[in-house]
Amino acid sequence: EEITLLEQQDIAWLEAAGDYVCVHANGETHIKRSTLKELLNELDPEIFKRVHRSTIVNLNFIDNVIPHTKGEFFLILGEFNKIKVSRNYREATKEYLAAGA
């Protein structure tokens, strides 16, 4: 029964969960009733990118990229978060990462 205000730069990643979105920021998970599409329109398009049908990541939180089978790969965010990049978003994600390198 409380509202937590978050700064965009503190959000590491977001994931869809039915009619809600789990917002991962500052080591905590916050729940917001929204869609990923709605939130993507509110977030800074320079740093927030969709990497999966159900996942948006903040490019500033990517620590490592690990190759996987069939050209797929995982993004490592912090010590414990491993985000799979789907085939549909693979090429676009490679472009984001190459531009930031």
N, C-alpha and C. Protein backbone atom coordinates (compact mmCIF):
# COMPACT_ATOMS: atom_id res chain seq x y z
N GLU A 1 0.82 -1.20 0.00
CA GLU A 1 0.00 0.00 0.00
C GLU A 1 0.86 1.26 0.00
N GLU A 2 1.93 1.24 -0.76
CA GLU A 2 2.77 2.43 -0.87
C GLU A 2 3.22 2.60 -2.31
N ILE A 3 3.62 3.79 -2.63
CA ILE A 3 4.11 4.11 -3.97
C ILE A 3 5.59 4.45 -3.86
N THR A 4 6.40 3.79 -4.68
CA THR A 4 7.84 4.05 -4.69
C THR A 4 8.18 4.81 -5.96
N LEU A 5 8.80 5.96 -5.82
CA LEU A 5 9.23 6.73 -6.99
C LEU A 5 10.64 6.31 -7.36
N LEU A 6 10.83 6.01 -8.64
CA LEU A 6 12.13 5.57 -9.11
C LEU A 6 12.66 6.51 -10.19
N GLU A 7 13.96 6.72 -10.18
CA GLU A 7 14.61 7.46 -11.25
C GLU A 7 14.92 6.47 -12.37
N GLN A 8 14.78 6.90 -13.61
CA GLN A 8 15.02 6.00 -14.73
C GLN A 8 16.42 5.39 -14.68
N GLN A 9 17.41 6.18 -14.31
CA GLN A 9 18.78 5.67 -14.31
C GLN A 9 19.00 4.57 -13.27
N ASP A 10 18.06 4.40 -12.33
CA ASP A 10 18.18 3.35 -11.32
C ASP A 10 17.55 2.03 -11.76
N ILE A 11 16.79 2.06 -12.84
CA ILE A 11 16.11 0.85 -13.32
C ILE A 11 17.07 0.03 -14.17
N ALA A 12 17.29 -1.22 -13.76
CA ALA A 12 18.20 -2.11 -14.49
C ALA A 12 17.47 -2.82 -15.63
N TRP A 13 16.29 -3.36 -15.33
CA TRP A 13 15.51 -4.06 -16.35
C TRP A 13 14.07 -4.19 -15.92
N LEU A 14 13.22 -4.48 -16.90
CA LEU A 14 11.79 -4.63 -16.66
C LEU A 14 11.32 -5.90 -17.35
N GLU A 15 10.39 -6.60 -16.72
CA GLU A 15 9.87 -7.82 -17.33
C GLU A 15 8.35 -7.88 -17.18
N ALA A 16 7.71 -8.36 -18.22
CA ALA A 16 6.26 -8.50 -18.21
C ALA A 16 5.85 -9.64 -17.29
N ALA A 17 4.74 -9.43 -16.60
CA ALA A 17 4.17 -10.45 -15.71
C ALA A 17 2.65 -10.32 -15.77
N GLY A 18 2.07 -10.85 -16.84
CA GLY A 18 0.63 -10.73 -17.02
C GLY A 18 0.23 -9.29 -17.27
N ASP A 19 -0.69 -8.77 -16.46
CA ASP A 19 -1.14 -7.39 -16.58
C ASP A 19 -0.23 -6.41 -15.85
N TYR A 20 0.88 -6.90 -15.37
CA TYR A 20 1.81 -6.08 -14.58
C TYR A 20 3.20 -6.12 -15.21
N VAL A 21 4.05 -5.22 -14.72
CA VAL A 21 5.45 -5.23 -15.10
C VAL A 21 6.27 -5.24 -13.82
N CYS A 22 7.27 -6.11 -13.77
CA CYS A 22 8.21 -6.13 -12.66
C CYS A 22 9.36 -5.20 -13.03
N VAL A 23 9.56 -4.19 -12.20
CA VAL A 23 10.61 -3.19 -12.43
C VAL A 23 11.74 -3.50 -11.45
N HIS A 24 12.90 -3.83 -11.98
CA HIS A 24 14.05 -4.20 -11.15
C HIS A 24 14.97 -2.99 -11.03
N ALA A 25 15.05 -2.46 -9.81
CA ALA A 25 15.85 -1.25 -9.57
C ALA A 25 16.43 -1.29 -8.16
N ASN A 26 17.68 -0.88 -8.05
CA ASN A 26 18.34 -0.78 -6.74
C ASN A 26 18.28 -2.08 -5.95
N GLY A 27 18.38 -3.21 -6.64
CA GLY A 27 18.37 -4.51 -5.97
C GLY A 27 17.00 -4.97 -5.50
N GLU A 28 15.96 -4.26 -5.86
CA GLU A 28 14.60 -4.62 -5.45
C GLU A 28 13.71 -4.78 -6.68
N THR A 29 12.60 -5.49 -6.51
CA THR A 29 11.63 -5.64 -7.58
C THR A 29 10.36 -4.91 -7.19
N HIS A 30 9.92 -4.03 -8.07
CA HIS A 30 8.72 -3.25 -7.85
C HIS A 30 7.69 -3.67 -8.89
N ILE A 31 6.44 -3.69 -8.50
CA ILE A 31 5.36 -4.12 -9.39
C ILE A 31 4.55 -2.90 -9.82
N LYS A 32 4.29 -2.82 -11.13
CA LYS A 32 3.49 -1.72 -11.66
C LYS A 32 2.45 -2.29 -12.60
N ARG A 33 1.23 -1.82 -12.48
CA ARG A 33 0.18 -2.26 -13.39
C ARG A 33 0.33 -1.46 -14.68
N SER A 34 0.85 -2.13 -15.70
CA SER A 34 1.14 -1.48 -16.98
C SER A 34 1.53 -2.55 -17.97
N THR A 35 1.74 -2.14 -19.20
CA THR A 35 2.30 -3.04 -20.20
C THR A 35 3.72 -2.58 -20.51
N LEU A 36 4.52 -3.48 -21.05
CA LEU A 36 5.88 -3.09 -21.44
C LEU A 36 5.84 -2.02 -22.51
N LYS A 37 4.90 -2.14 -23.43
CA LYS A 37 4.80 -1.15 -24.51
C LYS A 37 4.53 0.24 -23.96
N GLU A 38 3.63 0.35 -22.98
CA GLU A 38 3.33 1.65 -22.37
C GLU A 38 4.57 2.22 -21.68
N LEU A 39 5.27 1.38 -20.94
CA LEU A 39 6.46 1.85 -20.23
C LEU A 39 7.60 2.21 -21.18
N LEU A 40 7.75 1.45 -22.25
CA LEU A 40 8.81 1.74 -23.21
C LEU A 40 8.63 3.14 -23.80
N ASN A 41 7.38 3.56 -23.97
CA ASN A 41 7.10 4.91 -24.48
C ASN A 41 7.47 6.00 -23.48
N GLU A 42 7.53 5.66 -22.19
CA GLU A 42 7.85 6.63 -21.14
C GLU A 42 9.35 6.67 -20.82
N LEU A 43 10.08 5.63 -21.19
CA LEU A 43 11.49 5.52 -20.85
C LEU A 43 12.39 6.16 -21.90
N ASP A 44 13.59 6.54 -21.50
CA ASP A 44 14.57 7.14 -22.40
C ASP A 44 14.96 6.13 -23.48
N PRO A 45 14.64 6.41 -24.74
CA PRO A 45 14.92 5.44 -25.81
C PRO A 45 16.40 5.25 -26.10
N GLU A 46 17.24 6.13 -25.59
CA GLU A 46 18.68 5.98 -25.80
C GLU A 46 19.29 4.88 -24.94
N ILE A 47 18.68 4.61 -23.78
CA ILE A 47 19.27 3.62 -22.88
C ILE A 47 18.38 2.41 -22.60
N PHE A 48 17.08 2.51 -22.86
CA PHE A 48 16.19 1.38 -22.61
C PHE A 48 15.82 0.73 -23.93
N LYS A 49 16.15 -0.56 -24.04
CA LYS A 49 15.90 -1.30 -25.28
C LYS A 49 15.21 -2.61 -24.98
N ARG A 50 14.29 -2.95 -25.85
CA ARG A 50 13.60 -4.23 -25.73
C ARG A 50 14.52 -5.31 -26.29
N VAL A 51 14.72 -6.39 -25.54
CA VAL A 51 15.58 -7.48 -25.97
C VAL A 51 14.82 -8.80 -26.08
N HIS A 52 13.57 -8.75 -25.69
CA HIS A 52 12.72 -9.94 -25.70
C HIS A 52 11.28 -9.44 -25.67
N ARG A 53 10.37 -10.28 -26.09
CA ARG A 53 8.95 -9.90 -26.08
C ARG A 53 8.52 -9.45 -24.68
N SER A 54 9.16 -10.02 -23.66
CA SER A 54 8.75 -9.73 -22.29
C SER A 54 9.81 -9.01 -21.46
N THR A 55 10.85 -8.45 -22.12
CA THR A 55 11.94 -7.85 -21.35
C THR A 55 12.50 -6.59 -22.00
N ILE A 56 12.72 -5.56 -21.16
CA ILE A 56 13.40 -4.33 -21.56
C ILE A 56 14.60 -4.18 -20.63
N VAL A 57 15.75 -3.82 -21.18
CA VAL A 57 16.93 -3.61 -20.33
C VAL A 57 17.46 -2.19 -20.47
N ASN A 58 18.10 -1.74 -19.40
CA ASN A 58 18.83 -0.48 -19.41
C ASN A 58 20.25 -0.84 -19.85
N LEU A 59 20.67 -0.33 -21.01
CA LEU A 59 21.97 -0.69 -21.57
C LEU A 59 23.13 -0.37 -20.62
N ASN A 60 22.95 0.61 -19.74
CA ASN A 60 24.01 0.99 -18.80
C ASN A 60 24.27 -0.07 -17.74
N PHE A 61 23.37 -1.04 -17.59
CA PHE A 61 23.54 -2.07 -16.56
C PHE A 61 24.14 -3.36 -17.11
N ILE A 62 24.38 -3.44 -18.41
CA ILE A 62 24.93 -4.66 -19.00
C ILE A 62 26.41 -4.75 -18.66
N ASP A 63 26.76 -5.80 -17.92
CA ASP A 63 28.15 -6.01 -17.52
C ASP A 63 28.89 -6.94 -18.48
N ASN A 64 28.15 -7.87 -19.09
CA ASN A 64 28.79 -8.87 -19.91
C ASN A 64 27.78 -9.45 -20.89
N VAL A 65 28.29 -10.00 -21.99
CA VAL A 65 27.46 -10.68 -22.97
C VAL A 65 28.02 -12.08 -23.15
N ILE A 66 27.16 -13.08 -22.99
CA ILE A 66 27.61 -14.47 -23.08
C ILE A 66 26.94 -15.14 -24.27
N PRO A 67 27.74 -15.64 -25.22
CA PRO A 67 27.17 -16.34 -26.37
C PRO A 67 26.45 -17.62 -25.94
N HIS A 68 25.44 -17.98 -26.70
CA HIS A 68 24.67 -19.19 -26.45
C HIS A 68 24.53 -19.91 -27.78
N THR A 69 23.80 -20.97 -27.82
CA THR A 69 23.65 -21.75 -29.05
C THR A 69 22.86 -21.00 -30.11
N LYS A 70 23.07 -21.38 -31.37
CA LYS A 70 22.33 -20.85 -32.52
C LYS A 70 22.37 -19.33 -32.63
N GLY A 71 23.47 -18.73 -32.23
CA GLY A 71 23.61 -17.28 -32.35
C GLY A 71 22.90 -16.49 -31.28
N GLU A 72 22.25 -17.17 -30.36
CA GLU A 72 21.58 -16.48 -29.26
C GLU A 72 22.62 -16.08 -28.22
N PHE A 73 22.23 -15.17 -27.33
CA PHE A 73 23.15 -14.78 -26.27
C PHE A 73 22.38 -14.28 -25.06
N PHE A 74 23.10 -14.18 -23.95
CA PHE A 74 22.56 -13.70 -22.70
C PHE A 74 23.25 -12.39 -22.32
N LEU A 75 22.52 -11.51 -21.69
CA LEU A 75 23.07 -10.29 -21.12
C LEU A 75 23.20 -10.49 -19.62
N ILE A 76 24.33 -10.16 -19.08
CA ILE A 76 24.55 -10.28 -17.64
C ILE A 76 24.43 -8.88 -17.04
N LEU A 77 23.50 -8.74 -16.11
CA LEU A 77 23.27 -7.47 -15.43
C LEU A 77 23.56 -7.70 -13.95
N GLY A 78 24.64 -7.14 -13.48
CA GLY A 78 25.00 -7.34 -12.08
C GLY A 78 25.47 -8.75 -11.83
N GLU A 79 25.42 -9.16 -10.59
CA GLU A 79 25.96 -10.45 -10.19
C GLU A 79 25.01 -11.61 -10.45
N PHE A 80 23.69 -11.35 -10.42
CA PHE A 80 22.74 -12.45 -10.44
C PHE A 80 21.75 -12.46 -11.60
N ASN A 81 21.71 -11.43 -12.41
CA ASN A 81 20.67 -11.34 -13.43
C ASN A 81 21.20 -11.70 -14.81
N LYS A 82 20.59 -12.72 -15.38
CA LYS A 82 20.98 -13.23 -16.69
C LYS A 82 19.74 -13.13 -17.59
N ILE A 83 19.81 -12.26 -18.61
CA ILE A 83 18.67 -11.97 -19.46
C ILE A 83 18.91 -12.56 -20.84
N LYS A 84 17.99 -13.39 -21.30
CA LYS A 84 18.13 -13.97 -22.64
C LYS A 84 17.61 -13.00 -23.69
N VAL A 85 18.38 -12.84 -24.75
CA VAL A 85 17.96 -12.02 -25.88
C VAL A 85 17.28 -12.96 -26.88
N SER A 86 16.04 -12.66 -27.23
CA SER A 86 15.31 -13.53 -28.14
C SER A 86 15.79 -13.34 -29.58
N ARG A 87 15.51 -14.32 -30.42
CA ARG A 87 15.94 -14.25 -31.82
C ARG A 87 15.36 -13.03 -32.53
N ASN A 88 14.13 -12.65 -32.20
CA ASN A 88 13.50 -11.50 -32.85
C ASN A 88 14.23 -10.19 -32.56
N TYR A 89 14.89 -10.10 -31.42
CA TYR A 89 15.57 -8.87 -31.02
C TYR A 89 17.09 -8.98 -31.09
N ARG A 90 17.59 -10.10 -31.57
CA ARG A 90 19.03 -10.36 -31.58
C ARG A 90 19.82 -9.32 -32.38
N GLU A 91 19.43 -9.07 -33.62
CA GLU A 91 20.19 -8.16 -34.47
C GLU A 91 20.14 -6.72 -33.94
N ALA A 92 18.95 -6.28 -33.53
CA ALA A 92 18.82 -4.93 -32.99
C ALA A 92 19.67 -4.77 -31.73
N THR A 93 19.68 -5.79 -30.88
CA THR A 93 20.47 -5.72 -29.65
C THR A 93 21.96 -5.67 -29.97
N LYS A 94 22.41 -6.44 -30.96
CA LYS A 94 23.81 -6.38 -31.36
C LYS A 94 24.18 -4.96 -31.81
N GLU A 95 23.28 -4.32 -32.54
CA GLU A 95 23.52 -2.96 -32.99
C GLU A 95 23.65 -1.99 -31.82
N TYR A 96 22.75 -2.10 -30.83
CA TYR A 96 22.83 -1.24 -29.63
C TYR A 96 24.16 -1.42 -28.93
N LEU A 97 24.55 -2.69 -28.78
CA LEU A 97 25.78 -2.98 -28.05
C LEU A 97 27.00 -2.51 -28.81
N ALA A 98 27.00 -2.66 -30.11
CA ALA A 98 28.15 -2.22 -30.93
C ALA A 98 28.27 -0.70 -30.90
N ALA A 99 27.14 -0.01 -30.91
CA ALA A 99 27.15 1.46 -30.90
C ALA A 99 27.69 1.99 -29.58
N GLY A 100 27.43 1.25 -28.50
CA GLY A 100 27.88 1.69 -27.17
C GLY A 100 29.31 1.31 -26.85
N ALA A 101 29.88 0.44 -27.67
CA ALA A 101 31.24 -0.06 -27.38
C ALA A 101 32.30 0.97 -27.72
